[in-house]
Amino acid sequence: MSDPAALSHCATAHVMAEADAAFRFMADPIALGGWSLGCMRTRPDGDDGLHTGESLFDGGRGWFRIQADPERLTVDYGLGTPQALAWRIAAQVVRPERCALPAGTCYVSLIAWRPAGMADERWRRLCSAHETEILLIKAQIESGYRPD
């Protein structure tokens, strides 16, 4: 993995919504089940913040936990099994004044860091999924649509 582009991936959308609303959406574990291709139809799995969902790729079950920081507008996603969550996916919402965006808009970014042992094919799939997921995120935040 000597290619720096193979170490992380970032997909960003300019979203026509207030930054705080976009942050709440990104921190909502049930909303995640409408845009995360690897963890659809999310639901709680216990009362400790653990959630589960199914992959559209292979039907496999995955688990996640969310750590959200409303001051910094960051959301960290721990993914894996209930016993071993890896904190390698994050979302960042950027307020309009940071980048001279129009008021009432923001940037939303999905960031992924590649684990050392991840196969090239799996990494390409994750990057492609994030490129699609950021479009779903933008559309769902702007429209208010929430899949069942």
N, C-alpha and C. Protein backbone atom coordinates (compact mmCIF):
# COMPACT_ATOMS: atom_id res chain seq x y z
N MET A 1 0.84 -1.19 0.00
CA MET A 1 0.00 0.00 0.00
C MET A 1 0.87 1.25 0.00
N SER A 2 1.75 1.37 -0.96
CA SER A 2 2.61 2.55 -1.01
C SER A 2 1.91 3.75 -1.66
N ASP A 3 0.83 3.52 -2.37
CA ASP A 3 0.07 4.60 -3.01
C ASP A 3 -0.77 5.30 -1.95
N PRO A 4 -0.50 6.60 -1.67
CA PRO A 4 -1.28 7.30 -0.64
C PRO A 4 -2.78 7.29 -0.90
N ALA A 5 -3.20 7.26 -2.17
CA ALA A 5 -4.64 7.23 -2.48
C ALA A 5 -5.27 5.93 -2.03
N ALA A 6 -4.47 4.90 -1.82
CA ALA A 6 -5.00 3.62 -1.39
C ALA A 6 -5.14 3.52 0.13
N LEU A 7 -4.79 4.58 0.85
CA LEU A 7 -4.82 4.54 2.30
C LEU A 7 -6.09 5.12 2.91
N SER A 8 -6.70 6.08 2.20
CA SER A 8 -7.94 6.67 2.69
C SER A 8 -8.77 7.13 1.50
N HIS A 9 -10.05 7.38 1.78
CA HIS A 9 -10.96 7.84 0.73
C HIS A 9 -11.92 8.83 1.36
N CYS A 10 -12.24 9.90 0.63
CA CYS A 10 -13.19 10.90 1.11
C CYS A 10 -14.17 11.22 -0.01
N ALA A 11 -15.45 11.18 0.30
CA ALA A 11 -16.52 11.57 -0.63
C ALA A 11 -17.28 12.70 0.03
N THR A 12 -17.47 13.81 -0.72
CA THR A 12 -18.09 15.00 -0.15
C THR A 12 -19.21 15.50 -1.05
N ALA A 13 -20.28 16.00 -0.41
CA ALA A 13 -21.39 16.62 -1.15
C ALA A 13 -21.67 17.99 -0.56
N HIS A 14 -22.08 18.91 -1.41
CA HIS A 14 -22.58 20.22 -0.98
C HIS A 14 -24.08 20.04 -0.76
N VAL A 15 -24.51 20.15 0.48
CA VAL A 15 -25.88 19.83 0.87
C VAL A 15 -26.65 21.12 1.15
N MET A 16 -27.84 21.21 0.59
CA MET A 16 -28.70 22.38 0.76
C MET A 16 -29.54 22.21 2.02
N ALA A 17 -28.87 22.30 3.16
CA ALA A 17 -29.52 22.17 4.47
C ALA A 17 -28.60 22.78 5.52
N GLU A 18 -29.19 23.12 6.64
CA GLU A 18 -28.40 23.64 7.76
C GLU A 18 -27.43 22.56 8.25
N ALA A 19 -26.24 22.99 8.67
CA ALA A 19 -25.22 22.05 9.13
C ALA A 19 -25.70 21.21 10.32
N ASP A 20 -26.42 21.83 11.25
CA ASP A 20 -26.89 21.08 12.42
C ASP A 20 -27.87 19.98 12.03
N ALA A 21 -28.71 20.26 11.04
CA ALA A 21 -29.67 19.24 10.57
C ALA A 21 -28.91 18.10 9.88
N ALA A 22 -27.90 18.43 9.09
CA ALA A 22 -27.10 17.40 8.43
C ALA A 22 -26.37 16.55 9.46
N PHE A 23 -25.83 17.18 10.49
CA PHE A 23 -25.15 16.44 11.56
C PHE A 23 -26.10 15.48 12.25
N ARG A 24 -27.29 15.94 12.60
CA ARG A 24 -28.26 15.06 13.27
C ARG A 24 -28.58 13.84 12.39
N PHE A 25 -28.71 14.06 11.09
CA PHE A 25 -28.97 12.96 10.16
C PHE A 25 -27.81 11.96 10.17
N MET A 26 -26.59 12.46 10.10
CA MET A 26 -25.42 11.57 10.05
C MET A 26 -25.22 10.81 11.37
N ALA A 27 -25.69 11.38 12.47
CA ALA A 27 -25.55 10.73 13.78
C ALA A 27 -26.73 9.82 14.12
N ASP A 28 -27.71 9.73 13.26
CA ASP A 28 -28.92 8.94 13.51
C ASP A 28 -28.71 7.50 13.01
N PRO A 29 -28.65 6.54 13.92
CA PRO A 29 -28.39 5.16 13.50
C PRO A 29 -29.50 4.55 12.64
N ILE A 30 -30.71 5.01 12.80
CA ILE A 30 -31.81 4.49 11.98
C ILE A 30 -31.74 5.09 10.57
N ALA A 31 -31.42 6.38 10.47
CA ALA A 31 -31.24 7.00 9.15
C ALA A 31 -30.11 6.32 8.39
N LEU A 32 -29.05 5.90 9.09
CA LEU A 32 -27.92 5.20 8.45
C LEU A 32 -28.41 4.00 7.67
N GLY A 33 -29.45 3.35 8.16
CA GLY A 33 -30.01 2.17 7.50
C GLY A 33 -30.68 2.47 6.18
N GLY A 34 -30.81 3.74 5.81
CA GLY A 34 -31.38 4.12 4.52
C GLY A 34 -30.35 4.56 3.51
N TRP A 35 -29.08 4.73 3.94
CA TRP A 35 -28.06 5.16 2.99
C TRP A 35 -26.81 4.29 2.97
N SER A 36 -26.53 3.54 4.01
CA SER A 36 -25.32 2.72 4.06
C SER A 36 -25.54 1.39 3.35
N LEU A 37 -24.96 1.24 2.18
CA LEU A 37 -25.17 0.03 1.38
C LEU A 37 -24.69 -1.23 2.10
N GLY A 38 -23.75 -1.09 3.00
CA GLY A 38 -23.25 -2.24 3.75
C GLY A 38 -23.99 -2.51 5.03
N CYS A 39 -25.00 -1.69 5.37
CA CYS A 39 -25.71 -1.87 6.64
C CYS A 39 -27.11 -1.26 6.54
N MET A 40 -27.93 -1.86 5.71
CA MET A 40 -29.29 -1.34 5.47
C MET A 40 -30.26 -1.83 6.55
N ARG A 41 -31.42 -1.14 6.62
CA ARG A 41 -32.51 -1.53 7.52
C ARG A 41 -32.00 -1.72 8.96
N THR A 42 -31.36 -0.70 9.48
CA THR A 42 -30.76 -0.80 10.81
C THR A 42 -31.81 -0.87 11.90
N ARG A 43 -31.40 -1.47 12.99
CA ARG A 43 -32.25 -1.58 14.17
C ARG A 43 -31.35 -1.74 15.40
N PRO A 44 -31.86 -1.33 16.56
CA PRO A 44 -31.07 -1.50 17.78
C PRO A 44 -30.81 -2.98 18.07
N ASP A 45 -29.65 -3.26 18.66
CA ASP A 45 -29.31 -4.62 19.09
C ASP A 45 -28.85 -4.51 20.55
N GLY A 46 -29.81 -4.33 21.43
CA GLY A 46 -29.53 -4.11 22.84
C GLY A 46 -29.78 -2.66 23.19
N ASP A 47 -29.45 -2.28 24.43
CA ASP A 47 -29.74 -0.93 24.88
C ASP A 47 -28.47 -0.12 25.13
N ASP A 48 -27.35 -0.54 24.55
CA ASP A 48 -26.08 0.15 24.79
C ASP A 48 -25.57 0.92 23.56
N GLY A 49 -26.48 1.24 22.62
CA GLY A 49 -26.08 1.99 21.44
C GLY A 49 -25.61 1.13 20.27
N LEU A 50 -25.58 -0.18 20.46
CA LEU A 50 -25.19 -1.08 19.38
C LEU A 50 -26.38 -1.25 18.43
N HIS A 51 -26.11 -1.19 17.13
CA HIS A 51 -27.14 -1.37 16.10
C HIS A 51 -26.66 -2.42 15.11
N THR A 52 -27.59 -2.98 14.37
CA THR A 52 -27.25 -3.97 13.36
C THR A 52 -28.05 -3.69 12.09
N GLY A 53 -27.55 -4.24 10.98
CA GLY A 53 -28.22 -4.10 9.69
C GLY A 53 -27.66 -5.12 8.71
N GLU A 54 -28.22 -5.14 7.48
CA GLU A 54 -27.81 -6.12 6.49
C GLU A 54 -27.14 -5.44 5.29
N SER A 55 -26.14 -6.12 4.75
CA SER A 55 -25.42 -5.64 3.58
C SER A 55 -26.23 -5.90 2.31
N LEU A 56 -26.33 -4.89 1.45
CA LEU A 56 -26.95 -5.09 0.14
C LEU A 56 -26.03 -5.89 -0.78
N PHE A 57 -24.76 -5.97 -0.45
CA PHE A 57 -23.81 -6.69 -1.29
C PHE A 57 -23.97 -8.21 -1.16
N ASP A 58 -24.04 -8.69 0.07
CA ASP A 58 -24.08 -10.15 0.26
C ASP A 58 -25.08 -10.61 1.32
N GLY A 59 -25.88 -9.70 1.86
CA GLY A 59 -26.86 -10.07 2.87
C GLY A 59 -26.29 -10.30 4.24
N GLY A 60 -24.97 -10.14 4.39
CA GLY A 60 -24.33 -10.36 5.68
C GLY A 60 -24.80 -9.36 6.72
N ARG A 61 -24.77 -9.79 7.97
CA ARG A 61 -25.18 -8.94 9.07
C ARG A 61 -23.95 -8.22 9.62
N GLY A 62 -24.10 -6.93 9.89
CA GLY A 62 -23.03 -6.16 10.47
C GLY A 62 -23.54 -5.37 11.66
N TRP A 63 -22.62 -4.95 12.51
CA TRP A 63 -22.96 -4.17 13.70
C TRP A 63 -22.18 -2.87 13.68
N PHE A 64 -22.74 -1.87 14.35
CA PHE A 64 -22.05 -0.59 14.45
C PHE A 64 -22.50 0.16 15.70
N ARG A 65 -21.65 1.09 16.07
CA ARG A 65 -21.95 2.00 17.17
C ARG A 65 -21.50 3.38 16.70
N ILE A 66 -22.20 4.41 17.13
CA ILE A 66 -21.91 5.77 16.71
C ILE A 66 -21.39 6.58 17.89
N GLN A 67 -20.33 7.36 17.63
CA GLN A 67 -19.85 8.38 18.57
C GLN A 67 -19.95 9.71 17.84
N ALA A 68 -20.79 10.60 18.34
CA ALA A 68 -21.04 11.88 17.67
C ALA A 68 -20.57 13.04 18.54
N ASP A 69 -19.95 14.02 17.91
CA ASP A 69 -19.48 15.21 18.60
C ASP A 69 -20.19 16.42 18.00
N PRO A 70 -21.27 16.90 18.64
CA PRO A 70 -22.04 18.00 18.07
C PRO A 70 -21.28 19.33 18.00
N GLU A 71 -20.29 19.52 18.84
CA GLU A 71 -19.51 20.75 18.78
C GLU A 71 -18.64 20.79 17.53
N ARG A 72 -18.00 19.67 17.21
CA ARG A 72 -17.13 19.60 16.04
C ARG A 72 -17.85 19.11 14.79
N LEU A 73 -19.11 18.69 14.94
CA LEU A 73 -19.91 18.14 13.84
C LEU A 73 -19.24 16.94 13.19
N THR A 74 -18.65 16.08 14.03
CA THR A 74 -18.04 14.85 13.55
C THR A 74 -18.80 13.64 14.08
N VAL A 75 -18.82 12.61 13.27
CA VAL A 75 -19.47 11.35 13.64
C VAL A 75 -18.49 10.23 13.31
N ASP A 76 -18.16 9.42 14.31
CA ASP A 76 -17.31 8.24 14.11
C ASP A 76 -18.19 7.01 14.16
N TYR A 77 -17.92 6.09 13.24
CA TYR A 77 -18.69 4.85 13.14
C TYR A 77 -17.77 3.68 13.45
N GLY A 78 -18.09 2.95 14.52
CA GLY A 78 -17.39 1.71 14.83
C GLY A 78 -18.13 0.57 14.16
N LEU A 79 -17.44 -0.18 13.31
CA LEU A 79 -18.06 -1.24 12.49
C LEU A 79 -17.43 -2.58 12.77
N GLY A 80 -18.22 -3.63 12.65
CA GLY A 80 -17.68 -4.99 12.79
C GLY A 80 -18.65 -5.90 13.50
N THR A 81 -18.13 -6.58 14.51
CA THR A 81 -18.95 -7.47 15.33
C THR A 81 -19.14 -6.81 16.69
N PRO A 82 -20.12 -7.28 17.47
CA PRO A 82 -20.31 -6.66 18.79
C PRO A 82 -19.05 -6.69 19.65
N GLN A 83 -18.22 -7.71 19.49
CA GLN A 83 -17.01 -7.84 20.30
C GLN A 83 -15.82 -7.07 19.74
N ALA A 84 -15.85 -6.71 18.45
CA ALA A 84 -14.69 -6.07 17.82
C ALA A 84 -15.14 -5.03 16.80
N LEU A 85 -15.34 -3.81 17.26
CA LEU A 85 -15.70 -2.72 16.37
C LEU A 85 -14.44 -1.97 15.97
N ALA A 86 -14.29 -1.67 14.68
CA ALA A 86 -13.16 -0.91 14.17
C ALA A 86 -13.64 0.51 13.83
N TRP A 87 -12.98 1.50 14.37
CA TRP A 87 -13.36 2.91 14.19
C TRP A 87 -12.58 3.48 13.01
N ARG A 88 -13.00 3.10 11.78
CA ARG A 88 -12.27 3.51 10.59
C ARG A 88 -13.12 4.23 9.55
N ILE A 89 -14.36 4.57 9.90
CA ILE A 89 -15.24 5.36 9.03
C ILE A 89 -15.71 6.57 9.86
N ALA A 90 -15.73 7.74 9.22
CA ALA A 90 -16.18 8.95 9.92
C ALA A 90 -16.94 9.83 8.94
N ALA A 91 -17.74 10.71 9.52
CA ALA A 91 -18.42 11.75 8.75
C ALA A 91 -18.03 13.09 9.36
N GLN A 92 -17.90 14.09 8.51
CA GLN A 92 -17.62 15.46 8.95
C GLN A 92 -18.60 16.38 8.25
N VAL A 93 -19.28 17.20 9.04
CA VAL A 93 -20.14 18.24 8.48
C VAL A 93 -19.40 19.56 8.64
N VAL A 94 -19.38 20.36 7.57
CA VAL A 94 -18.65 21.62 7.56
C VAL A 94 -19.65 22.77 7.46
N ARG A 95 -19.62 23.64 8.45
CA ARG A 95 -20.50 24.81 8.46
C ARG A 95 -20.17 25.73 7.28
N PRO A 96 -21.16 26.48 6.79
CA PRO A 96 -20.95 27.29 5.59
C PRO A 96 -19.84 28.35 5.73
N GLU A 97 -19.72 28.95 6.90
CA GLU A 97 -18.73 30.02 7.06
C GLU A 97 -17.29 29.51 6.94
N ARG A 98 -17.06 28.24 7.18
CA ARG A 98 -15.70 27.69 7.07
C ARG A 98 -15.18 27.71 5.65
N CYS A 99 -16.07 27.57 4.68
CA CYS A 99 -15.67 27.49 3.27
C CYS A 99 -16.37 28.50 2.39
N ALA A 100 -16.90 29.55 2.99
CA ALA A 100 -17.60 30.62 2.25
C ALA A 100 -18.75 30.07 1.40
N LEU A 101 -19.49 29.13 1.97
CA LEU A 101 -20.66 28.58 1.30
C LEU A 101 -21.87 29.47 1.55
N PRO A 102 -22.89 29.35 0.74
CA PRO A 102 -24.12 30.11 1.01
C PRO A 102 -24.73 29.70 2.36
N ALA A 103 -25.32 30.64 3.04
CA ALA A 103 -26.01 30.34 4.31
C ALA A 103 -27.06 29.27 4.06
N GLY A 104 -27.27 28.42 5.06
CA GLY A 104 -28.27 27.37 4.94
C GLY A 104 -27.79 26.16 4.17
N THR A 105 -26.48 26.11 3.87
CA THR A 105 -25.90 24.94 3.20
C THR A 105 -24.69 24.48 3.99
N CYS A 106 -24.16 23.32 3.61
CA CYS A 106 -22.99 22.79 4.29
C CYS A 106 -22.32 21.75 3.39
N TYR A 107 -21.14 21.34 3.78
CA TYR A 107 -20.51 20.17 3.17
C TYR A 107 -20.72 19.00 4.12
N VAL A 108 -20.94 17.82 3.54
CA VAL A 108 -20.96 16.57 4.30
C VAL A 108 -19.96 15.65 3.64
N SER A 109 -19.03 15.12 4.44
CA SER A 109 -18.00 14.22 3.92
C SER A 109 -18.07 12.87 4.64
N LEU A 110 -17.85 11.81 3.88
CA LEU A 110 -17.62 10.46 4.42
C LEU A 110 -16.15 10.15 4.22
N ILE A 111 -15.48 9.73 5.28
CA ILE A 111 -14.06 9.43 5.22
C ILE A 111 -13.85 7.98 5.66
N ALA A 112 -13.02 7.27 4.90
CA ALA A 112 -12.68 5.89 5.24
C ALA A 112 -11.17 5.74 5.26
N TRP A 113 -10.66 4.98 6.23
CA TRP A 113 -9.25 4.63 6.29
C TRP A 113 -9.13 3.14 6.05
N ARG A 114 -8.22 2.76 5.17
CA ARG A 114 -8.07 1.36 4.76
C ARG A 114 -7.27 0.57 5.79
N PRO A 115 -7.84 -0.53 6.28
CA PRO A 115 -7.07 -1.42 7.17
C PRO A 115 -5.93 -2.07 6.38
N ALA A 116 -4.84 -2.35 7.05
CA ALA A 116 -3.65 -2.89 6.40
C ALA A 116 -3.93 -4.17 5.60
N GLY A 117 -4.79 -5.03 6.08
CA GLY A 117 -5.01 -6.30 5.41
C GLY A 117 -6.14 -6.33 4.40
N MET A 118 -6.78 -5.19 4.11
CA MET A 118 -7.94 -5.19 3.22
C MET A 118 -7.51 -5.41 1.77
N ALA A 119 -8.14 -6.37 1.12
CA ALA A 119 -7.84 -6.69 -0.28
C ALA A 119 -8.22 -5.52 -1.19
N ASP A 120 -7.50 -5.39 -2.30
CA ASP A 120 -7.76 -4.31 -3.26
C ASP A 120 -9.21 -4.29 -3.72
N GLU A 121 -9.77 -5.45 -4.04
CA GLU A 121 -11.15 -5.52 -4.53
C GLU A 121 -12.13 -5.01 -3.47
N ARG A 122 -11.93 -5.39 -2.24
CA ARG A 122 -12.81 -4.94 -1.14
C ARG A 122 -12.68 -3.43 -0.94
N TRP A 123 -11.46 -2.89 -1.03
CA TRP A 123 -11.25 -1.46 -0.89
C TRP A 123 -11.94 -0.69 -2.03
N ARG A 124 -11.81 -1.18 -3.27
CA ARG A 124 -12.49 -0.53 -4.40
C ARG A 124 -14.00 -0.52 -4.18
N ARG A 125 -14.54 -1.62 -3.67
CA ARG A 125 -15.98 -1.70 -3.40
C ARG A 125 -16.39 -0.68 -2.35
N LEU A 126 -15.60 -0.56 -1.29
CA LEU A 126 -15.92 0.41 -0.24
C LEU A 126 -15.88 1.83 -0.80
N CYS A 127 -14.86 2.17 -1.57
CA CYS A 127 -14.76 3.52 -2.15
C CYS A 127 -15.93 3.79 -3.09
N SER A 128 -16.28 2.82 -3.92
CA SER A 128 -17.42 2.99 -4.83
C SER A 128 -18.72 3.16 -4.04
N ALA A 129 -18.87 2.38 -2.98
CA ALA A 129 -20.07 2.49 -2.14
C ALA A 129 -20.16 3.89 -1.55
N HIS A 130 -19.06 4.43 -1.05
CA HIS A 130 -19.10 5.77 -0.46
C HIS A 130 -19.44 6.84 -1.49
N GLU A 131 -19.00 6.67 -2.73
CA GLU A 131 -19.36 7.62 -3.79
C GLU A 131 -20.87 7.61 -4.03
N THR A 132 -21.49 6.45 -3.93
CA THR A 132 -22.94 6.35 -4.08
C THR A 132 -23.65 6.82 -2.80
N GLU A 133 -23.13 6.41 -1.66
CA GLU A 133 -23.76 6.76 -0.39
C GLU A 133 -23.82 8.27 -0.17
N ILE A 134 -22.79 9.01 -0.59
CA ILE A 134 -22.83 10.46 -0.38
C ILE A 134 -23.96 11.08 -1.19
N LEU A 135 -24.29 10.50 -2.34
CA LEU A 135 -25.43 10.99 -3.13
C LEU A 135 -26.75 10.67 -2.43
N LEU A 136 -26.85 9.49 -1.83
CA LEU A 136 -28.04 9.14 -1.05
C LEU A 136 -28.19 10.06 0.16
N ILE A 137 -27.09 10.32 0.85
CA ILE A 137 -27.11 11.20 2.01
C ILE A 137 -27.61 12.59 1.62
N LYS A 138 -27.03 13.15 0.57
CA LYS A 138 -27.43 14.48 0.10
C LYS A 138 -28.93 14.52 -0.21
N ALA A 139 -29.39 13.54 -0.99
CA ALA A 139 -30.80 13.52 -1.40
C ALA A 139 -31.73 13.36 -0.20
N GLN A 140 -31.37 12.49 0.73
CA GLN A 140 -32.24 12.24 1.88
C GLN A 140 -32.25 13.41 2.85
N ILE A 141 -31.12 14.06 3.06
CA ILE A 141 -31.11 15.24 3.93
C ILE A 141 -31.95 16.35 3.31
N GLU A 142 -31.74 16.61 2.03
CA GLU A 142 -32.43 17.72 1.37
C GLU A 142 -33.93 17.49 1.22
N SER A 143 -34.33 16.25 1.00
CA SER A 143 -35.74 15.97 0.77
C SER A 143 -36.50 15.60 2.05
N GLY A 144 -35.77 15.18 3.08
CA GLY A 144 -36.43 14.70 4.29
C GLY A 144 -36.92 13.27 4.17
N TYR A 145 -36.63 12.63 3.04
CA TYR A 145 -37.05 11.23 2.83
C TYR A 145 -36.30 10.30 3.76
N ARG A 146 -37.04 9.36 4.35
CA ARG A 146 -36.44 8.33 5.19
C ARG A 146 -37.02 6.99 4.77
N PRO A 147 -36.19 6.12 4.16
CA PRO A 147 -36.70 4.79 3.78
C PRO A 147 -37.15 3.99 5.01
N ASP A 148 -38.07 3.07 4.81
CA ASP A 148 -38.52 2.22 5.92
C ASP A 148 -37.44 1.25 6.35
